[in-house]
Amino acid sequence: MEWPKGYATRPEIDQSLGNGRRPADFAQDRTRLVAVIEQVVKRPPHLPWAPHPGFGPLTTREVMRWGYLHADHHLRQFGV
């Protein structure tokens, strides 16, 4: 299933509203992203996750699936 076109970004992460993390240096941003992904996948699975702002509480399996789909969406968005 594709993400709907024109779906509004949640206000708490919308960069046009001054929120979220703005891009800076591509190489540094990429290094930081890889480090965050590594932290997430190494996290003990029994620890609870903060509720997702749109989906509410998720299991570790659901968080990992959402993370994959979210990253895939953005990679496709930019033709990677």
N, C-alpha and C. Protein backbone atom coordinates (compact mmCIF):
# COMPACT_ATOMS: atom_id res chain seq x y z
N MET A 1 0.84 -1.18 0.00
CA MET A 1 0.00 0.00 0.00
C MET A 1 0.88 1.24 0.00
N GLU A 2 0.63 2.16 -0.88
CA GLU A 2 1.39 3.40 -0.93
C GLU A 2 0.83 4.42 0.04
N TRP A 3 1.71 5.27 0.55
CA TRP A 3 1.28 6.37 1.41
C TRP A 3 0.50 7.35 0.55
N PRO A 4 -0.63 7.85 1.03
CA PRO A 4 -1.43 8.77 0.20
C PRO A 4 -0.65 10.04 -0.15
N LYS A 5 -0.83 10.51 -1.36
CA LYS A 5 -0.20 11.76 -1.79
C LYS A 5 -0.86 12.94 -1.08
N GLY A 6 -0.06 13.92 -0.68
CA GLY A 6 -0.59 15.12 -0.06
C GLY A 6 -0.99 14.97 1.39
N TYR A 7 -0.63 13.84 2.02
CA TYR A 7 -0.97 13.62 3.43
C TYR A 7 -0.17 14.61 4.28
N ALA A 8 -0.83 15.32 5.15
CA ALA A 8 -0.18 16.37 5.94
C ALA A 8 0.80 15.79 6.96
N THR A 9 1.95 16.44 7.09
CA THR A 9 2.94 16.07 8.10
C THR A 9 2.42 16.47 9.47
N ARG A 10 2.66 15.63 10.46
CA ARG A 10 2.22 15.94 11.82
C ARG A 10 2.91 17.24 12.27
N PRO A 11 2.19 18.14 12.91
CA PRO A 11 2.74 19.45 13.28
C PRO A 11 4.00 19.37 14.13
N GLU A 12 4.10 18.39 15.01
CA GLU A 12 5.26 18.32 15.90
C GLU A 12 6.56 17.98 15.19
N ILE A 13 6.49 17.52 13.93
CA ILE A 13 7.71 17.24 13.17
C ILE A 13 7.76 17.98 11.84
N ASP A 14 6.84 18.88 11.62
CA ASP A 14 6.75 19.61 10.35
C ASP A 14 7.83 20.70 10.31
N GLN A 15 8.80 20.53 9.43
CA GLN A 15 9.90 21.49 9.33
C GLN A 15 9.43 22.85 8.85
N SER A 16 8.35 22.91 8.11
CA SER A 16 7.85 24.21 7.65
C SER A 16 7.31 25.03 8.81
N LEU A 17 7.06 24.38 9.95
CA LEU A 17 6.60 25.08 11.15
C LEU A 17 7.75 25.31 12.15
N GLY A 18 8.96 24.97 11.71
CA GLY A 18 10.12 25.16 12.58
C GLY A 18 10.36 23.99 13.52
N ASN A 19 9.74 22.84 13.27
CA ASN A 19 9.90 21.67 14.13
C ASN A 19 10.72 20.61 13.40
N GLY A 20 10.98 19.51 14.08
CA GLY A 20 11.74 18.43 13.46
C GLY A 20 13.21 18.79 13.39
N ARG A 21 13.95 18.02 12.62
CA ARG A 21 15.39 18.24 12.46
C ARG A 21 15.65 18.68 11.03
N ARG A 22 16.20 19.85 10.89
CA ARG A 22 16.49 20.37 9.55
C ARG A 22 17.76 19.74 8.98
N PRO A 23 17.79 19.49 7.67
CA PRO A 23 19.00 18.96 7.05
C PRO A 23 20.14 19.96 7.18
N ALA A 24 21.34 19.44 7.33
CA ALA A 24 22.53 20.30 7.41
C ALA A 24 23.55 19.79 6.39
N ASP A 25 24.55 19.12 6.86
CA ASP A 25 25.57 18.53 6.00
C ASP A 25 25.14 17.09 5.68
N PHE A 26 25.02 16.74 4.40
CA PHE A 26 24.49 15.44 4.02
C PHE A 26 25.28 14.29 4.65
N ALA A 27 26.60 14.33 4.59
CA ALA A 27 27.42 13.23 5.12
C ALA A 27 27.21 13.09 6.63
N GLN A 28 27.16 14.20 7.34
CA GLN A 28 26.93 14.15 8.79
C GLN A 28 25.51 13.65 9.09
N ASP A 29 24.53 14.13 8.33
CA ASP A 29 23.15 13.69 8.54
C ASP A 29 23.02 12.19 8.29
N ARG A 30 23.67 11.70 7.25
CA ARG A 30 23.62 10.27 6.93
C ARG A 30 24.27 9.46 8.04
N THR A 31 25.42 9.91 8.53
CA THR A 31 26.11 9.21 9.61
C THR A 31 25.23 9.15 10.86
N ARG A 32 24.58 10.27 11.17
CA ARG A 32 23.69 10.31 12.33
C ARG A 32 22.50 9.37 12.14
N LEU A 33 21.92 9.35 10.95
CA LEU A 33 20.79 8.46 10.67
C LEU A 33 21.19 7.00 10.84
N VAL A 34 22.33 6.62 10.29
CA VAL A 34 22.79 5.23 10.41
C VAL A 34 22.99 4.87 11.88
N ALA A 35 23.55 5.78 12.66
CA ALA A 35 23.77 5.54 14.09
C ALA A 35 22.44 5.35 14.83
N VAL A 36 21.45 6.17 14.51
CA VAL A 36 20.14 6.05 15.15
C VAL A 36 19.49 4.73 14.78
N ILE A 37 19.56 4.34 13.51
CA ILE A 37 18.98 3.06 13.08
C ILE A 37 19.66 1.91 13.82
N GLU A 38 20.98 1.97 13.96
CA GLU A 38 21.70 0.92 14.68
C GLU A 38 21.25 0.85 16.14
N GLN A 39 21.04 2.00 16.77
CA GLN A 39 20.56 2.01 18.16
C GLN A 39 19.18 1.37 18.26
N VAL A 40 18.31 1.68 17.32
CA VAL A 40 16.95 1.15 17.36
C VAL A 40 16.95 -0.37 17.21
N VAL A 41 17.70 -0.89 16.25
CA VAL A 41 17.66 -2.34 16.02
C VAL A 41 18.39 -3.12 17.11
N LYS A 42 19.28 -2.48 17.86
CA LYS A 42 19.99 -3.15 18.95
C LYS A 42 19.25 -3.02 20.29
N ARG A 43 18.19 -2.26 20.32
CA ARG A 43 17.44 -2.01 21.55
C ARG A 43 16.81 -3.31 22.04
N PRO A 44 16.90 -3.60 23.35
CA PRO A 44 16.27 -4.83 23.85
C PRO A 44 14.77 -4.86 23.53
N PRO A 45 14.28 -5.94 22.95
CA PRO A 45 12.89 -5.98 22.49
C PRO A 45 11.85 -5.94 23.61
N HIS A 46 12.25 -6.23 24.85
CA HIS A 46 11.27 -6.25 25.94
C HIS A 46 10.95 -4.85 26.48
N LEU A 47 11.76 -3.85 26.12
CA LEU A 47 11.51 -2.50 26.60
C LEU A 47 10.32 -1.89 25.87
N PRO A 48 9.47 -1.15 26.58
CA PRO A 48 8.31 -0.55 25.91
C PRO A 48 8.72 0.63 25.04
N TRP A 49 7.97 0.88 24.00
CA TRP A 49 8.18 2.01 23.11
C TRP A 49 7.21 3.12 23.49
N ALA A 50 7.61 4.35 23.25
CA ALA A 50 6.68 5.47 23.43
C ALA A 50 5.57 5.31 22.40
N PRO A 51 4.35 5.68 22.73
CA PRO A 51 3.26 5.54 21.75
C PRO A 51 3.54 6.37 20.49
N HIS A 52 3.21 5.81 19.35
CA HIS A 52 3.32 6.53 18.08
C HIS A 52 2.24 7.61 18.07
N PRO A 53 2.56 8.83 17.59
CA PRO A 53 1.56 9.90 17.62
C PRO A 53 0.31 9.63 16.78
N GLY A 54 0.41 8.79 15.78
CA GLY A 54 -0.75 8.49 14.95
C GLY A 54 -1.36 7.12 15.18
N PHE A 55 -0.51 6.14 15.56
CA PHE A 55 -0.96 4.77 15.69
C PHE A 55 -1.11 4.31 17.14
N GLY A 56 -0.64 5.11 18.08
CA GLY A 56 -0.73 4.73 19.49
C GLY A 56 0.34 3.71 19.86
N PRO A 57 0.09 2.92 20.90
CA PRO A 57 1.08 1.93 21.35
C PRO A 57 1.35 0.88 20.27
N LEU A 58 2.62 0.55 20.08
CA LEU A 58 3.02 -0.47 19.11
C LEU A 58 3.95 -1.48 19.77
N THR A 59 3.91 -2.72 19.31
CA THR A 59 4.85 -3.73 19.76
C THR A 59 6.19 -3.48 19.07
N THR A 60 7.24 -4.14 19.55
CA THR A 60 8.55 -4.01 18.89
C THR A 60 8.45 -4.42 17.43
N ARG A 61 7.77 -5.50 17.15
CA ARG A 61 7.61 -5.95 15.75
C ARG A 61 6.92 -4.87 14.91
N GLU A 62 5.88 -4.26 15.46
CA GLU A 62 5.16 -3.21 14.73
C GLU A 62 6.03 -1.97 14.53
N VAL A 63 6.81 -1.61 15.55
CA VAL A 63 7.72 -0.46 15.42
C VAL A 63 8.75 -0.71 14.33
N MET A 64 9.30 -1.91 14.29
CA MET A 64 10.30 -2.24 13.28
C MET A 64 9.68 -2.22 11.88
N ARG A 65 8.48 -2.73 11.76
CA ARG A 65 7.79 -2.73 10.45
C ARG A 65 7.49 -1.29 10.01
N TRP A 66 6.97 -0.48 10.96
CA TRP A 66 6.69 0.92 10.65
C TRP A 66 7.98 1.64 10.24
N GLY A 67 9.07 1.40 10.98
CA GLY A 67 10.34 2.05 10.65
C GLY A 67 10.82 1.71 9.25
N TYR A 68 10.70 0.43 8.90
CA TYR A 68 11.08 0.00 7.56
C TYR A 68 10.23 0.70 6.51
N LEU A 69 8.91 0.68 6.70
CA LEU A 69 8.02 1.29 5.72
C LEU A 69 8.24 2.79 5.62
N HIS A 70 8.50 3.44 6.74
CA HIS A 70 8.72 4.88 6.75
C HIS A 70 10.01 5.23 6.00
N ALA A 71 11.08 4.50 6.31
CA ALA A 71 12.35 4.74 5.62
C ALA A 71 12.21 4.45 4.12
N ASP A 72 11.55 3.35 3.79
CA ASP A 72 11.34 3.02 2.37
C ASP A 72 10.57 4.10 1.65
N HIS A 73 9.55 4.65 2.31
CA HIS A 73 8.77 5.73 1.72
C HIS A 73 9.66 6.92 1.36
N HIS A 74 10.52 7.32 2.29
CA HIS A 74 11.37 8.49 2.02
C HIS A 74 12.47 8.18 1.01
N LEU A 75 13.01 6.98 1.03
CA LEU A 75 14.00 6.63 0.02
C LEU A 75 13.39 6.64 -1.38
N ARG A 76 12.18 6.12 -1.50
CA ARG A 76 11.48 6.16 -2.80
C ARG A 76 11.14 7.60 -3.18
N GLN A 77 10.75 8.38 -2.19
CA GLN A 77 10.38 9.78 -2.43
C GLN A 77 11.52 10.54 -3.11
N PHE A 78 12.76 10.19 -2.72
CA PHE A 78 13.92 10.89 -3.27
C PHE A 78 14.66 10.06 -4.31
N GLY A 79 14.03 8.97 -4.77
CA GLY A 79 14.59 8.19 -5.87
C GLY A 79 15.84 7.41 -5.52
N VAL A 80 15.96 7.00 -4.25
CA VAL A 80 17.14 6.24 -3.83
C VAL A 80 16.89 4.76 -4.03
